[in-house]
Amino acid sequence: MERTELGRDIETALGEVLDHVRGHTELPCRVVDDPAASQIVTLRKRFGLSRQNFAD
C-alpha cells in the first residue's frame, strides 16, 4: 500500500519530535504571555467588546 502525502508529512513530523525528545535537535518554541483577568477586562473595555465578542 502506498503512503499518502499526509501520511508522509505525519511521519516526518513524528521523526522531528523523536529527534527532539532524544536530544538530537532543537525545535523552535514561543513564549506565550498568559494575561491576567484584569488585563483582559481592560482590553475588552478599551475596544468596547462584550465578553462573547472578545472571545470570538
N, C-alpha and C. Protein backbone atom coordinates (compact mmCIF):
# COMPACT_ATOMS: atom_id res chain seq x y z
N MET A 1 0.85 -1.18 0.00
CA MET A 1 0.00 0.00 0.00
C MET A 1 0.89 1.24 0.00
N GLU A 2 0.59 2.18 -0.86
CA GLU A 2 1.38 3.40 -0.98
C GLU A 2 0.93 4.42 0.06
N ARG A 3 1.90 5.11 0.65
CA ARG A 3 1.58 6.13 1.65
C ARG A 3 1.10 7.41 0.97
N THR A 4 0.18 8.09 1.63
CA THR A 4 -0.31 9.36 1.11
C THR A 4 0.65 10.48 1.49
N GLU A 5 0.45 11.63 0.88
CA GLU A 5 1.27 12.79 1.22
C GLU A 5 1.07 13.17 2.69
N LEU A 6 -0.17 13.11 3.15
CA LEU A 6 -0.45 13.41 4.56
C LEU A 6 0.28 12.42 5.47
N GLY A 7 0.24 11.16 5.12
CA GLY A 7 0.94 10.15 5.90
C GLY A 7 2.44 10.42 5.97
N ARG A 8 3.02 10.79 4.84
CA ARG A 8 4.47 11.11 4.82
C ARG A 8 4.76 12.34 5.67
N ASP A 9 3.88 13.35 5.61
CA ASP A 9 4.06 14.57 6.43
C ASP A 9 4.01 14.23 7.92
N ILE A 10 3.06 13.38 8.30
CA ILE A 10 2.94 12.99 9.71
C ILE A 10 4.17 12.21 10.14
N GLU A 11 4.63 11.32 9.29
CA GLU A 11 5.83 10.53 9.60
C GLU A 11 7.05 11.44 9.79
N THR A 12 7.19 12.43 8.94
CA THR A 12 8.29 13.39 9.06
C THR A 12 8.19 14.17 10.36
N ALA A 13 6.98 14.65 10.68
CA ALA A 13 6.78 15.43 11.90
C ALA A 13 7.09 14.59 13.14
N LEU A 14 6.64 13.34 13.15
CA LEU A 14 6.91 12.48 14.30
C LEU A 14 8.40 12.19 14.43
N GLY A 15 9.08 12.08 13.31
CA GLY A 15 10.53 11.90 13.34
C GLY A 15 11.22 13.10 13.98
N GLU A 16 10.74 14.30 13.65
CA GLU A 16 11.30 15.52 14.25
C GLU A 16 11.06 15.54 15.76
N VAL A 17 9.89 15.12 16.18
CA VAL A 17 9.58 15.08 17.61
C VAL A 17 10.50 14.09 18.32
N LEU A 18 10.67 12.90 17.74
CA LEU A 18 11.56 11.91 18.35
C LEU A 18 12.99 12.42 18.43
N ASP A 19 13.47 13.07 17.37
CA ASP A 19 14.83 13.63 17.41
C ASP A 19 14.96 14.65 18.53
N HIS A 20 13.93 15.46 18.73
CA HIS A 20 13.96 16.46 19.80
C HIS A 20 13.97 15.79 21.17
N VAL A 21 13.09 14.81 21.35
CA VAL A 21 12.99 14.12 22.64
C VAL A 21 14.32 13.43 22.98
N ARG A 22 14.96 12.91 21.96
CA ARG A 22 16.24 12.22 22.17
C ARG A 22 17.42 13.18 22.31
N GLY A 23 17.16 14.48 22.17
CA GLY A 23 18.21 15.48 22.34
C GLY A 23 19.08 15.68 21.11
N HIS A 24 18.64 15.21 19.94
CA HIS A 24 19.43 15.33 18.72
C HIS A 24 19.20 16.65 17.99
N THR A 25 18.12 17.31 18.28
CA THR A 25 17.80 18.55 17.57
C THR A 25 17.01 19.49 18.47
N GLU A 26 17.08 20.77 18.16
CA GLU A 26 16.30 21.79 18.86
C GLU A 26 15.10 22.15 18.00
N LEU A 27 13.95 22.25 18.59
CA LEU A 27 12.77 22.69 17.88
C LEU A 27 12.47 24.14 18.27
N PRO A 28 11.93 24.93 17.32
CA PRO A 28 11.59 26.31 17.66
C PRO A 28 10.48 26.33 18.71
N CYS A 29 10.52 27.33 19.56
CA CYS A 29 9.47 27.46 20.56
C CYS A 29 9.12 28.94 20.73
N ARG A 30 7.95 29.18 21.29
CA ARG A 30 7.49 30.53 21.55
C ARG A 30 7.03 30.61 22.99
N VAL A 31 7.28 31.75 23.61
CA VAL A 31 6.76 32.00 24.95
C VAL A 31 5.46 32.77 24.76
N VAL A 32 4.40 32.24 25.33
CA VAL A 32 3.08 32.86 25.19
C VAL A 32 2.72 33.51 26.52
N ASP A 33 2.44 34.79 26.46
CA ASP A 33 2.05 35.52 27.66
C ASP A 33 0.62 35.13 28.02
N ASP A 34 0.41 34.78 29.26
CA ASP A 34 -0.91 34.45 29.76
C ASP A 34 -1.43 35.66 30.53
N PRO A 35 -2.24 36.50 29.88
CA PRO A 35 -2.66 37.74 30.54
C PRO A 35 -3.57 37.47 31.75
N ALA A 36 -3.45 38.34 32.71
CA ALA A 36 -4.31 38.26 33.90
C ALA A 36 -5.73 38.68 33.53
N ALA A 37 -6.69 38.24 34.30
CA ALA A 37 -8.09 38.57 34.04
C ALA A 37 -8.30 40.08 33.98
N SER A 38 -7.62 40.82 34.82
CA SER A 38 -7.79 42.28 34.82
C SER A 38 -7.31 42.89 33.51
N GLN A 39 -6.26 42.32 32.92
CA GLN A 39 -5.78 42.82 31.63
C GLN A 39 -6.81 42.55 30.53
N ILE A 40 -7.45 41.41 30.59
CA ILE A 40 -8.46 41.06 29.59
C ILE A 40 -9.65 42.00 29.69
N VAL A 41 -10.10 42.28 30.91
CA VAL A 41 -11.23 43.20 31.11
C VAL A 41 -10.87 44.58 30.57
N THR A 42 -9.66 45.03 30.84
CA THR A 42 -9.21 46.34 30.35
C THR A 42 -9.23 46.39 28.83
N LEU A 43 -8.73 45.34 28.18
CA LEU A 43 -8.74 45.29 26.72
C LEU A 43 -10.16 45.27 26.16
N ARG A 44 -11.02 44.46 26.75
CA ARG A 44 -12.41 44.39 26.29
C ARG A 44 -13.06 45.76 26.35
N LYS A 45 -12.87 46.45 27.47
CA LYS A 45 -13.50 47.77 27.66
C LYS A 45 -12.91 48.79 26.68
N ARG A 46 -11.60 48.72 26.47
CA ARG A 46 -10.95 49.66 25.56
C ARG A 46 -11.52 49.54 24.15
N PHE A 47 -11.81 48.30 23.72
CA PHE A 47 -12.33 48.08 22.38
C PHE A 47 -13.85 48.02 22.33
N GLY A 48 -14.49 48.17 23.50
CA GLY A 48 -15.95 48.19 23.55
C GLY A 48 -16.58 46.86 23.15
N LEU A 49 -15.96 45.76 23.57
CA LEU A 49 -16.45 44.44 23.19
C LEU A 49 -17.10 43.72 24.37
N SER A 50 -18.15 42.97 24.04
CA SER A 50 -18.75 42.12 25.05
C SER A 50 -17.82 40.94 25.29
N ARG A 51 -18.10 40.18 26.34
CA ARG A 51 -17.27 39.00 26.63
C ARG A 51 -17.30 38.02 25.44
N GLN A 52 -18.51 37.83 24.88
CA GLN A 52 -18.65 36.88 23.76
C GLN A 52 -17.92 37.38 22.52
N ASN A 53 -18.07 38.67 22.20
CA ASN A 53 -17.39 39.21 21.02
C ASN A 53 -15.88 39.15 21.18
N PHE A 54 -15.39 39.43 22.38
CA PHE A 54 -13.95 39.36 22.62
C PHE A 54 -13.48 37.90 22.46
N ALA A 55 -14.24 36.96 22.98
CA ALA A 55 -13.87 35.55 22.89
C ALA A 55 -13.87 35.07 21.43
N ASP A 56 -14.84 35.56 20.67
CA ASP A 56 -14.91 35.16 19.26
C ASP A 56 -13.70 35.68 18.50
